[in-house]
Amino acid sequence: MVSVKAAAMAIALLTFCVLGANTTSAAYSECCRSYTTRKLPFPAIRGYTVQTIKGVCHINAIIFHYTFDKKKGRACTNPALPWVMDYVDRLRTKAQKVHDQTSRGHK
């Protein structure tokens, strides 16, 4: 006869496995699988996310988040391209300026 404690542990383990599989599957569906072939206009870019192959994704990518003609989107770009890293540097510089301005006002 199976104890209640053992049955509860088995159910908990099964639930964890099912939820873990769904999370992994959902994360993978968000992965970039290829790179865009076009250069994006810098003024349309609102931010970026870094994707690495260390997780469930199979390529490294810089994912630019953009708004163009009132439509929001994301573009998977190759971090080996010079224009991609130039955009990342420009966004970092912009963020640093905002930080500096904000921190001066809170002293």
PDB file of N, CA and C in Angstrom:
ATOM      1  N   MET A   1       0.836  -1.190   0.000  1.00  0.00           N
ATOM      2  CA  MET A   1       0.000   0.000   0.000  1.00  0.00           C
ATOM      3  C   MET A   1       0.876   1.248   0.000  1.00  0.00           C
ATOM      4  N   VAL A   2       0.540   2.223  -0.816  1.00  0.00           N
ATOM      5  CA  VAL A   2       1.312   3.454  -0.954  1.00  0.00           C
ATOM      6  C   VAL A   2       0.863   4.439   0.117  1.00  0.00           C
ATOM      7  N   SER A   3       1.831   5.019   0.796  1.00  0.00           N
ATOM      8  CA  SER A   3       1.468   5.988   1.836  1.00  0.00           C
ATOM      9  C   SER A   3       0.990   7.293   1.206  1.00  0.00           C
ATOM     10  N   VAL A   4       0.244   8.035   1.971  1.00  0.00           N
ATOM     11  CA  VAL A   4      -0.281   9.320   1.500  1.00  0.00           C
ATOM     12  C   VAL A   4       0.877  10.274   1.215  1.00  0.00           C
ATOM     13  N   LYS A   5       1.898  10.219   2.038  1.00  0.00           N
ATOM     14  CA  LYS A   5       3.063  11.089   1.865  1.00  0.00           C
ATOM     15  C   LYS A   5       3.779  10.787   0.548  1.00  0.00           C
ATOM     16  N   ALA A   6       3.958   9.517   0.237  1.00  0.00           N
ATOM     17  CA  ALA A   6       4.618   9.120  -1.013  1.00  0.00           C
ATOM     18  C   ALA A   6       3.782   9.520  -2.219  1.00  0.00           C
ATOM     19  N   ALA A   7       2.462   9.356  -2.122  1.00  0.00           N
ATOM     20  CA  ALA A   7       1.577   9.747  -3.224  1.00  0.00           C
ATOM     21  C   ALA A   7       1.620  11.257  -3.446  1.00  0.00           C
ATOM     22  N   ALA A   8       1.630  12.007  -2.356  1.00  0.00           N
ATOM     23  CA  ALA A   8       1.688  13.468  -2.460  1.00  0.00           C
ATOM     24  C   ALA A   8       3.003  13.907  -3.105  1.00  0.00           C
ATOM     25  N   MET A   9       4.091  13.260  -2.727  1.00  0.00           N
ATOM     26  CA  MET A   9       5.389  13.598  -3.314  1.00  0.00           C
ATOM     27  C   MET A   9       5.408  13.266  -4.804  1.00  0.00           C
ATOM     28  N   ALA A  10       4.827  12.145  -5.182  1.00  0.00           N
ATOM     29  CA  ALA A  10       4.775  11.758  -6.598  1.00  0.00           C
ATOM     30  C   ALA A  10       3.962  12.763  -7.403  1.00  0.00           C
ATOM     31  N   ILE A  11       2.840  13.205  -6.859  1.00  0.00           N
ATOM     32  CA  ILE A  11       2.002  14.201  -7.542  1.00  0.00           C
ATOM     33  C   ILE A  11       2.749  15.526  -7.664  1.00  0.00           C
ATOM     34  N   ALA A  12       3.424  15.926  -6.593  1.00  0.00           N
ATOM     35  CA  ALA A  12       4.193  17.179  -6.628  1.00  0.00           C
ATOM     36  C   ALA A  12       5.294  17.108  -7.676  1.00  0.00           C
ATOM     37  N   LEU A  13       5.993  15.981  -7.738  1.00  0.00           N
ATOM     38  CA  LEU A  13       7.066  15.810  -8.718  1.00  0.00           C
ATOM     39  C   LEU A  13       6.522  15.840 -10.143  1.00  0.00           C
ATOM     40  N   LEU A  14       5.418  15.162 -10.364  1.00  0.00           N
ATOM     41  CA  LEU A  14       4.791  15.156 -11.685  1.00  0.00           C
ATOM     42  C   LEU A  14       4.355  16.563 -12.088  1.00  0.00           C
ATOM     43  N   THR A  15       3.756  17.307 -11.155  1.00  0.00           N
ATOM     44  CA  THR A  15       3.335  18.682 -11.426  1.00  0.00           C
ATOM     45  C   THR A  15       4.536  19.554 -11.775  1.00  0.00           C
ATOM     46  N   PHE A  16       5.618  19.409 -11.012  1.00  0.00           N
ATOM     47  CA  PHE A  16       6.833  20.176 -11.269  1.00  0.00           C
ATOM     48  C   PHE A  16       7.382  19.878 -12.665  1.00  0.00           C
ATOM     49  N   CYS A  17       7.395  18.609 -13.045  1.00  0.00           N
ATOM     50  CA  CYS A  17       7.895  18.228 -14.371  1.00  0.00           C
ATOM     51  C   CYS A  17       7.037  18.812 -15.484  1.00  0.00           C
ATOM     52  N   VAL A  18       5.729  18.769 -15.325  1.00  0.00           N
ATOM     53  CA  VAL A  18       4.824  19.303 -16.347  1.00  0.00           C
ATOM     54  C   VAL A  18       4.986  20.813 -16.453  1.00  0.00           C
ATOM     55  N   LEU A  19       5.021  21.505 -15.312  1.00  0.00           N
ATOM     56  CA  LEU A  19       5.185  22.965 -15.341  1.00  0.00           C
ATOM     57  C   LEU A  19       6.543  23.349 -15.897  1.00  0.00           C
ATOM     58  N   GLY A  20       7.574  22.607 -15.537  1.00  0.00           N
ATOM     59  CA  GLY A  20       8.915  22.874 -16.055  1.00  0.00           C
ATOM     60  C   GLY A  20       8.978  22.717 -17.557  1.00  0.00           C
ATOM     61  N   ALA A  21       8.321  21.709 -18.089  1.00  0.00           N
ATOM     62  CA  ALA A  21       8.295  21.490 -19.538  1.00  0.00           C
ATOM     63  C   ALA A  21       7.562  22.623 -20.234  1.00  0.00           C
ATOM     64  N   ASN A  22       6.480  23.091 -19.663  1.00  0.00           N
ATOM     65  CA  ASN A  22       5.733  24.203 -20.263  1.00  0.00           C
ATOM     66  C   ASN A  22       6.542  25.486 -20.230  1.00  0.00           C
ATOM     67  N   THR A  23       7.260  25.732 -19.148  1.00  0.00           N
ATOM     68  CA  THR A  23       8.083  26.936 -19.049  1.00  0.00           C
ATOM     69  C   THR A  23       9.205  26.895 -20.072  1.00  0.00           C
ATOM     70  N   THR A  24       9.870  25.764 -20.190  1.00  0.00           N
ATOM     71  CA  THR A  24      10.945  25.619 -21.168  1.00  0.00           C
ATOM     72  C   THR A  24      10.412  25.797 -22.576  1.00  0.00           C
ATOM     73  N   SER A  25       9.283  25.201 -22.855  1.00  0.00           N
ATOM     74  CA  SER A  25       8.668  25.313 -24.173  1.00  0.00           C
ATOM     75  C   SER A  25       8.275  26.745 -24.476  1.00  0.00           C
ATOM     76  N   ALA A  26       7.721  27.447 -23.483  1.00  0.00           N
ATOM     77  CA  ALA A  26       7.334  28.847 -23.674  1.00  0.00           C
ATOM     78  C   ALA A  26       8.572  29.713 -23.889  1.00  0.00           C
ATOM     79  N   ALA A  27       9.621  29.453 -23.127  1.00  0.00           N
ATOM     80  CA  ALA A  27      10.853  30.226 -23.279  1.00  0.00           C
ATOM     81  C   ALA A  27      11.455  29.995 -24.657  1.00  0.00           C
ATOM     82  N   TYR A  28      11.447  28.751 -25.122  1.00  0.00           N
ATOM     83  CA  TYR A  28      12.008  28.443 -26.432  1.00  0.00           C
ATOM     84  C   TYR A  28      11.219  29.137 -27.542  1.00  0.00           C
ATOM     85  N   SER A  29       9.914  29.247 -27.367  1.00  0.00           N
ATOM     86  CA  SER A  29       9.109  29.896 -28.410  1.00  0.00           C
ATOM     87  C   SER A  29       9.447  31.377 -28.530  1.00  0.00           C
ATOM     88  N   GLU A  30      10.052  31.959 -27.489  1.00  0.00           N
ATOM     89  CA  GLU A  30      10.461  33.362 -27.523  1.00  0.00           C
ATOM     90  C   GLU A  30      11.865  33.534 -28.096  1.00  0.00           C
ATOM     91  N   CYS A  31      12.553  32.450 -28.356  1.00  0.00           N
ATOM     92  CA  CYS A  31      13.932  32.517 -28.854  1.00  0.00           C
ATOM     93  C   CYS A  31      13.986  32.996 -30.299  1.00  0.00           C
ATOM     94  N   CYS A  32      15.039  33.745 -30.589  1.00  0.00           N
ATOM     95  CA  CYS A  32      15.341  34.063 -31.984  1.00  0.00           C
ATOM     96  C   CYS A  32      15.942  32.809 -32.605  1.00  0.00           C
ATOM     97  N   ARG A  33      15.484  32.483 -33.787  1.00  0.00           N
ATOM     98  CA  ARG A  33      16.024  31.314 -34.485  1.00  0.00           C
ATOM     99  C   ARG A  33      16.825  31.704 -35.716  1.00  0.00           C
ATOM    100  N   SER A  34      16.697  32.972 -36.117  1.00  0.00           N
ATOM    101  CA  SER A  34      17.467  33.497 -37.253  1.00  0.00           C
ATOM    102  C   SER A  34      17.576  35.004 -37.078  1.00  0.00           C
ATOM    103  N   TYR A  35      18.431  35.606 -37.887  1.00  0.00           N
ATOM    104  CA  TYR A  35      18.669  37.048 -37.808  1.00  0.00           C
ATOM    105  C   TYR A  35      17.931  37.788 -38.915  1.00  0.00           C
ATOM    106  N   THR A  36      17.542  39.012 -38.623  1.00  0.00           N
ATOM    107  CA  THR A  36      16.963  39.856 -39.654  1.00  0.00           C
ATOM    108  C   THR A  36      18.056  40.212 -40.659  1.00  0.00           C
ATOM    109  N   THR A  37      17.671  40.419 -41.882  1.00  0.00           N
ATOM    110  CA  THR A  37      18.657  40.741 -42.919  1.00  0.00           C
ATOM    111  C   THR A  37      18.726  42.229 -43.207  1.00  0.00           C
ATOM    112  N   ARG A  38      17.873  43.008 -42.544  1.00  0.00           N
ATOM    113  CA  ARG A  38      17.870  44.446 -42.824  1.00  0.00           C
ATOM    114  C   ARG A  38      18.321  45.251 -41.609  1.00  0.00           C
ATOM    115  N   LYS A  39      18.924  46.385 -41.882  1.00  0.00           N
ATOM    116  CA  LYS A  39      19.342  47.293 -40.821  1.00  0.00           C
ATOM    117  C   LYS A  39      18.128  48.110 -40.394  1.00  0.00           C
ATOM    118  N   LEU A  40      17.910  48.200 -39.110  1.00  0.00           N
ATOM    119  CA  LEU A  40      16.765  48.940 -38.574  1.00  0.00           C
ATOM    120  C   LEU A  40      17.090  50.424 -38.477  1.00  0.00           C
ATOM    121  N   PRO A  41      16.090  51.298 -38.613  1.00  0.00           N
ATOM    122  CA  PRO A  41      16.345  52.723 -38.392  1.00  0.00           C
ATOM    123  C   PRO A  41      16.493  52.986 -36.889  1.00  0.00           C
ATOM    124  N   PHE A  42      17.595  53.591 -36.482  1.00  0.00           N
ATOM    125  CA  PHE A  42      17.866  53.786 -35.056  1.00  0.00           C
ATOM    126  C   PHE A  42      16.756  54.537 -34.320  1.00  0.00           C
ATOM    127  N   PRO A  43      16.149  55.587 -34.895  1.00  0.00           N
ATOM    128  CA  PRO A  43      15.113  56.306 -34.147  1.00  0.00           C
ATOM    129  C   PRO A  43      13.902  55.441 -33.758  1.00  0.00           C
ATOM    130  N   ALA A  44      13.696  54.341 -34.432  1.00  0.00           N
ATOM    131  CA  ALA A  44      12.552  53.472 -34.127  1.00  0.00           C
ATOM    132  C   ALA A  44      12.816  52.559 -32.926  1.00  0.00           C
ATOM    133  N   ILE A  45      14.076  52.398 -32.549  1.00  0.00           N
ATOM    134  CA  ILE A  45      14.437  51.452 -31.490  1.00  0.00           C
ATOM    135  C   ILE A  45      14.152  52.041 -30.115  1.00  0.00           C
ATOM    136  N   ARG A  46      13.493  51.236 -29.278  1.00  0.00           N
ATOM    137  CA  ARG A  46      13.115  51.660 -27.928  1.00  0.00           C
ATOM    138  C   ARG A  46      13.937  50.976 -26.849  1.00  0.00           C
ATOM    139  N   GLY A  47      14.627  49.897 -27.203  1.00  0.00           N
ATOM    140  CA  GLY A  47      15.434  49.159 -26.233  1.00  0.00           C
ATOM    141  C   GLY A  47      15.926  47.868 -26.850  1.00  0.00           C
ATOM    142  N   TYR A  48      16.581  47.064 -26.024  1.00  0.00           N
ATOM    143  CA  TYR A  48      17.083  45.794 -26.536  1.00  0.00           C
ATOM    144  C   TYR A  48      17.166  44.764 -25.420  1.00  0.00           C
ATOM    145  N   THR A  49      17.232  43.521 -25.826  1.00  0.00           N
ATOM    146  CA  THR A  49      17.408  42.388 -24.925  1.00  0.00           C
ATOM    147  C   THR A  49      18.547  41.547 -25.500  1.00  0.00           C
ATOM    148  N   VAL A  50      19.312  40.935 -24.614  1.00  0.00           N
ATOM    149  CA  VAL A  50      20.402  40.059 -25.043  1.00  0.00           C
ATOM    150  C   VAL A  50      19.941  38.608 -24.913  1.00  0.00           C
ATOM    151  N   GLN A  51      20.114  37.849 -25.967  1.00  0.00           N
ATOM    152  CA  GLN A  51      19.818  36.411 -25.948  1.00  0.00           C
ATOM    153  C   GLN A  51      21.135  35.661 -26.076  1.00  0.00           C
ATOM    154  N   THR A  52      21.348  34.695 -25.195  1.00  0.00           N
ATOM    155  CA  THR A  52      22.572  33.888 -25.267  1.00  0.00           C
ATOM    156  C   THR A  52      22.225  32.419 -25.467  1.00  0.00           C
ATOM    157  N   ILE A  53      23.196  31.689 -25.940  1.00  0.00           N
ATOM    158  CA  ILE A  53      22.987  30.258 -26.176  1.00  0.00           C
ATOM    159  C   ILE A  53      23.075  29.449 -24.884  1.00  0.00           C
ATOM    160  N   LYS A  54      23.359  30.087 -23.767  1.00  0.00           N
ATOM    161  CA  LYS A  54      23.479  29.366 -22.502  1.00  0.00           C
ATOM    162  C   LYS A  54      22.135  28.854 -21.991  1.00  0.00           C
ATOM    163  N   GLY A  55      21.048  29.462 -22.434  1.00  0.00           N
ATOM    164  CA  GLY A  55      19.732  29.009 -22.007  1.00  0.00           C
ATOM    165  C   GLY A  55      19.183  27.986 -22.980  1.00  0.00           C
ATOM    166  N   VAL A  56      17.924  28.121 -23.298  1.00  0.00           N
ATOM    167  CA  VAL A  56      17.278  27.176 -24.214  1.00  0.00           C
ATOM    168  C   VAL A  56      17.409  27.606 -25.672  1.00  0.00           C
ATOM    169  N   CYS A  57      17.923  28.786 -25.910  1.00  0.00           N
ATOM    170  CA  CYS A  57      18.023  29.314 -27.271  1.00  0.00           C
ATOM    171  C   CYS A  57      19.304  28.824 -27.954  1.00  0.00           C
ATOM    172  N   HIS A  58      19.258  28.718 -29.274  1.00  0.00           N
ATOM    173  CA  HIS A  58      20.368  28.114 -30.015  1.00  0.00           C
ATOM    174  C   HIS A  58      21.303  29.105 -30.705  1.00  0.00           C
ATOM    175  N   ILE A  59      20.976  30.408 -30.674  1.00  0.00           N
ATOM    176  CA  ILE A  59      21.885  31.406 -31.245  1.00  0.00           C
ATOM    177  C   ILE A  59      22.000  32.590 -30.290  1.00  0.00           C
ATOM    178  N   ASN A  60      23.151  33.247 -30.319  1.00  0.00           N
ATOM    179  CA  ASN A  60      23.306  34.518 -29.620  1.00  0.00           C
ATOM    180  C   ASN A  60      22.642  35.592 -30.465  1.00  0.00           C
ATOM    181  N   ALA A  61      21.979  36.538 -29.819  1.00  0.00           N
ATOM    182  CA  ALA A  61      21.317  37.603 -30.581  1.00  0.00           C
ATOM    183  C   ALA A  61      21.127  38.833 -29.706  1.00  0.00           C
ATOM    184  N   ILE A  62      21.074  39.968 -30.373  1.00  0.00           N
ATOM    185  CA  ILE A  62      20.602  41.205 -29.761  1.00  0.00           C
ATOM    186  C   ILE A  62      19.200  41.398 -30.320  1.00  0.00           C
ATOM    187  N   ILE A  63      18.226  41.459 -29.434  1.00  0.00           N
ATOM    188  CA  ILE A  63      16.834  41.630 -29.854  1.00  0.00           C
ATOM    189  C   ILE A  63      16.465  43.093 -29.646  1.00  0.00           C
ATOM    190  N   PHE A  64      16.296  43.809 -30.739  1.00  0.00           N
ATOM    191  CA  PHE A  64      15.891  45.207 -30.651  1.00  0.00           C
ATOM    192  C   PHE A  64      14.370  45.285 -30.591  1.00  0.00           C
ATOM    193  N   HIS A  65      13.884  46.077 -29.642  1.00  0.00           N
ATOM    194  CA  HIS A  65      12.452  46.334 -29.515  1.00  0.00           C
ATOM    195  C   HIS A  65      12.203  47.681 -30.181  1.00  0.00           C
ATOM    196  N   TYR A  66      11.227  47.736 -31.064  1.00  0.00           N
ATOM    197  CA  TYR A  66      11.035  48.960 -31.839  1.00  0.00           C
ATOM    198  C   TYR A  66       9.566  49.311 -31.987  1.00  0.00           C
ATOM    199  N   THR A  67       9.339  50.570 -32.332  1.00  0.00           N
ATOM    200  CA  THR A  67       8.016  51.061 -32.707  1.00  0.00           C
ATOM    201  C   THR A  67       8.185  51.732 -34.060  1.00  0.00           C
ATOM    202  N   PHE A  68       7.412  51.278 -35.031  1.00  0.00           N
ATOM    203  CA  PHE A  68       7.504  51.824 -36.383  1.00  0.00           C
ATOM    204  C   PHE A  68       6.090  51.928 -36.937  1.00  0.00           C
ATOM    205  N   ASP A  69       5.706  53.107 -37.367  1.00  0.00           N
ATOM    206  CA  ASP A  69       4.349  53.350 -37.862  1.00  0.00           C
ATOM    207  C   ASP A  69       3.295  52.872 -36.864  1.00  0.00           C
ATOM    208  N   LYS A  70       3.504  53.217 -35.590  1.00  0.00           N
ATOM    209  CA  LYS A  70       2.594  52.878 -34.489  1.00  0.00           C
ATOM    210  C   LYS A  70       2.485  51.379 -34.224  1.00  0.00           C
ATOM    211  N   LYS A  71       3.370  50.580 -34.810  1.00  0.00           N
ATOM    212  CA  LYS A  71       3.381  49.144 -34.562  1.00  0.00           C
ATOM    213  C   LYS A  71       4.617  48.794 -33.757  1.00  0.00           C
ATOM    214  N   LYS A  72       4.421  47.986 -32.722  1.00  0.00           N
ATOM    215  CA  LYS A  72       5.539  47.533 -31.910  1.00  0.00           C
ATOM    216  C   LYS A  72       6.005  46.180 -32.427  1.00  0.00           C
ATOM    217  N   GLY A  73       7.309  45.959 -32.319  1.00  0.00           N
ATOM    218  CA  GLY A  73       7.840  44.685 -32.771  1.00  0.00           C
ATOM    219  C   GLY A  73       9.202  44.420 -32.170  1.00  0.00           C
ATOM    220  N   ARG A  74       9.778  43.320 -32.585  1.00  0.00           N
ATOM    221  CA  ARG A  74      11.124  42.969 -32.138  1.00  0.00           C
ATOM    222  C   ARG A  74      11.874  42.393 -33.333  1.00  0.00           C
ATOM    223  N   ALA A  75      13.156  42.648 -33.360  1.00  0.00           N
ATOM    224  CA  ALA A  75      13.986  42.170 -34.458  1.00  0.00           C
ATOM    225  C   ALA A  75      15.215  41.478 -33.884  1.00  0.00           C
ATOM    226  N   CYS A  76      15.452  40.281 -34.334  1.00  0.00           N
ATOM    227  CA  CYS A  76      16.608  39.499 -33.909  1.00  0.00           C
ATOM    228  C   CYS A  76      17.793  39.875 -34.792  1.00  0.00           C
ATOM    229  N   THR A  77      18.853  40.354 -34.173  1.00  0.00           N
ATOM    230  CA  THR A  77      20.004  40.806 -34.952  1.00  0.00           C
ATOM    231  C   THR A  77      21.271  40.075 -34.521  1.00  0.00           C
ATOM    232  N   ASN A  78      22.216  40.039 -35.438  1.00  0.00           N
ATOM    233  CA  ASN A  78      23.478  39.345 -35.226  1.00  0.00           C
ATOM    234  C   ASN A  78      24.446  40.262 -34.470  1.00  0.00           C
ATOM    235  N   PRO A  79      24.854  39.876 -33.248  1.00  0.00           N
ATOM    236  CA  PRO A  79      25.765  40.730 -32.478  1.00  0.00           C
ATOM    237  C   PRO A  79      27.155  40.870 -33.094  1.00  0.00           C
ATOM    238  N   ALA A  80      27.467  40.078 -34.113  1.00  0.00           N
ATOM    239  CA  ALA A  80      28.763  40.187 -34.786  1.00  0.00           C
ATOM    240  C   ALA A  80      28.788  41.326 -35.805  1.00  0.00           C
ATOM    241  N   LEU A  81      27.629  41.884 -36.133  1.00  0.00           N
ATOM    242  CA  LEU A  81      27.580  42.976 -37.114  1.00  0.00           C
ATOM    243  C   LEU A  81      27.926  44.311 -36.451  1.00  0.00           C
ATOM    244  N   PRO A  82      28.788  45.103 -37.073  1.00  0.00           N
ATOM    245  CA  PRO A  82      29.195  46.377 -36.473  1.00  0.00           C
ATOM    246  C   PRO A  82      28.025  47.323 -36.162  1.00  0.00           C
ATOM    247  N   TRP A  83      27.030  47.421 -37.044  1.00  0.00           N
ATOM    248  CA  TRP A  83      25.927  48.350 -36.789  1.00  0.00           C
ATOM    249  C   TRP A  83      25.106  47.933 -35.571  1.00  0.00           C
ATOM    250  N   VAL A  84      25.030  46.637 -35.307  1.00  0.00           N
ATOM    251  CA  VAL A  84      24.273  46.156 -34.145  1.00  0.00           C
ATOM    252  C   VAL A  84      24.943  46.638 -32.861  1.00  0.00           C
ATOM    253  N   MET A  85      26.240  46.443 -32.755  1.00  0.00           N
ATOM    254  CA  MET A  85      26.948  46.867 -31.546  1.00  0.00           C
ATOM    255  C   MET A  85      27.030  48.384 -31.445  1.00  0.00           C
ATOM    256  N   ASP A  86      27.057  49.083 -32.577  1.00  0.00           N
ATOM    257  CA  ASP A  86      26.993  50.543 -32.557  1.00  0.00           C
ATOM    258  C   ASP A  86      25.673  51.000 -31.935  1.00  0.00           C
ATOM    259  N   TYR A  87      24.567  50.369 -32.317  1.00  0.00           N
ATOM    260  CA  TYR A  87      23.255  50.703 -31.750  1.00  0.00           C
ATOM    261  C   TYR A  87      23.217  50.418 -30.247  1.00  0.00           C
ATOM    262  N   VAL A  88      23.799  49.283 -29.831  1.00  0.00           N
ATOM    263  CA  VAL A  88      23.832  48.950 -28.408  1.00  0.00           C
ATOM    264  C   VAL A  88      24.616  50.019 -27.651  1.00  0.00           C
ATOM    265  N   ASP A  89      25.773  50.432 -28.181  1.00  0.00           N
ATOM    266  CA  ASP A  89      26.574  51.479 -27.545  1.00  0.00           C
ATOM    267  C   ASP A  89      25.799  52.797 -27.454  1.00  0.00           C
ATOM    268  N   ARG A  90      25.095  53.144 -28.509  1.00  0.00           N
ATOM    269  CA  ARG A  90      24.311  54.378 -28.513  1.00  0.00           C
ATOM    270  C   ARG A  90      23.190  54.330 -27.483  1.00  0.00           C
ATOM    271  N   LEU A  91      22.553  53.172 -27.352  1.00  0.00           N
ATOM    272  CA  LEU A  91      21.485  53.020 -26.353  1.00  0.00           C
ATOM    273  C   LEU A  91      22.051  53.082 -24.932  1.00  0.00           C
ATOM    274  N   ARG A  92      23.210  52.482 -24.717  1.00  0.00           N
ATOM    275  CA  ARG A  92      23.862  52.546 -23.397  1.00  0.00           C
ATOM    276  C   ARG A  92      24.218  53.988 -23.042  1.00  0.00           C
ATOM    277  N   THR A  93      24.748  54.730 -24.017  1.00  0.00           N
ATOM    278  CA  THR A  93      25.096  56.128 -23.785  1.00  0.00           C
ATOM    279  C   THR A  93      23.856  56.943 -23.432  1.00  0.00           C
ATOM    280  N   LYS A  94      22.787  56.703 -24.152  1.00  0.00           N
ATOM    281  CA  LYS A  94      21.513  57.385 -23.896  1.00  0.00           C
ATOM    282  C   LYS A  94      21.014  57.062 -22.480  1.00  0.00           C
ATOM    283  N   ALA A  95      21.088  55.806 -22.089  1.00  0.00           N
ATOM    284  CA  ALA A  95      20.649  55.388 -20.758  1.00  0.00           C
ATOM    285  C   ALA A  95      21.518  56.012 -19.672  1.00  0.00           C
ATOM    286  N   GLN A  96      22.824  56.118 -19.919  1.00  0.00           N
ATOM    287  CA  GLN A  96      23.729  56.713 -18.937  1.00  0.00           C
ATOM    288  C   GLN A  96      23.406  58.187 -18.727  1.00  0.00           C
ATOM    289  N   LYS A  97      23.074  58.895 -19.811  1.00  0.00           N
ATOM    290  CA  LYS A  97      22.698  60.309 -19.690  1.00  0.00           C
ATOM    291  C   LYS A  97      21.440  60.470 -18.846  1.00  0.00           C
ATOM    292  N   VAL A  98      20.457  59.606 -19.067  1.00  0.00           N
ATOM    293  CA  VAL A  98      19.220  59.654 -18.283  1.00  0.00           C
ATOM    294  C   VAL A  98      19.523  59.370 -16.814  1.00  0.00           C
ATOM    295  N   HIS A  99      20.369  58.388 -16.571  1.00  0.00           N
ATOM    296  CA  HIS A  99      20.767  58.049 -15.201  1.00  0.00           C
ATOM    297  C   HIS A  99      21.449  59.240 -14.520  1.00  0.00           C
ATOM    298  N   ASP A 100      22.409  59.840 -15.226  1.00  0.00           N
ATOM    299  CA  ASP A 100      23.133  60.979 -14.658  1.00  0.00           C
ATOM    300  C   ASP A 100      22.194  62.126 -14.321  1.00  0.00           C
ATOM    301  N   GLN A 101      21.275  62.444 -15.225  1.00  0.00           N
ATOM    302  CA  GLN A 101      20.320  63.529 -14.994  1.00  0.00           C
ATOM    303  C   GLN A 101      19.400  63.216 -13.819  1.00  0.00           C
ATOM    304  N   THR A 102      18.962  61.989 -13.729  1.00  0.00           N
ATOM    305  CA  THR A 102      18.053  61.578 -12.666  1.00  0.00           C
ATOM    306  C   THR A 102      18.753  61.561 -11.314  1.00  0.00           C
ATOM    307  N   SER A 103      19.973  61.065 -11.285  1.00  0.00           N
ATOM    308  CA  SER A 103      20.684  60.956  -9.991  1.00  0.00           C
ATOM    309  C   SER A 103      21.071  62.336  -9.464  1.00  0.00           C
ATOM    310  N   ARG A 104      21.298  63.311 -10.324  1.00  0.00           N
ATOM    311  CA  ARG A 104      21.584  64.682  -9.866  1.00  0.00           C
ATOM    312  C   ARG A 104      20.379  65.271  -9.140  1.00  0.00           C
ATOM    313  N   GLY A 105      19.204  64.923  -9.602  1.00  0.00           N
ATOM    314  CA  GLY A 105      17.985  65.466  -9.001  1.00  0.00           C
ATOM    315  C   GLY A 105      17.621  64.828  -7.675  1.00  0.00           C
ATOM    316  N   HIS A 106      18.251  63.690  -7.321  1.00  0.00           N
ATOM    317  CA  HIS A 106      17.916  62.977  -6.096  1.00  0.00           C
ATOM    318  C   HIS A 106      18.976  63.105  -5.027  1.00  0.00           C
ATOM    319  N   LYS A 107      19.900  64.028  -5.171  1.00  0.00           N
ATOM    320  CA  LYS A 107      20.962  64.193  -4.159  1.00  0.00           C
ATOM    321  C   LYS A 107      20.529  65.142  -3.086  1.00  0.00           C
TER     322      LYS A 107
END
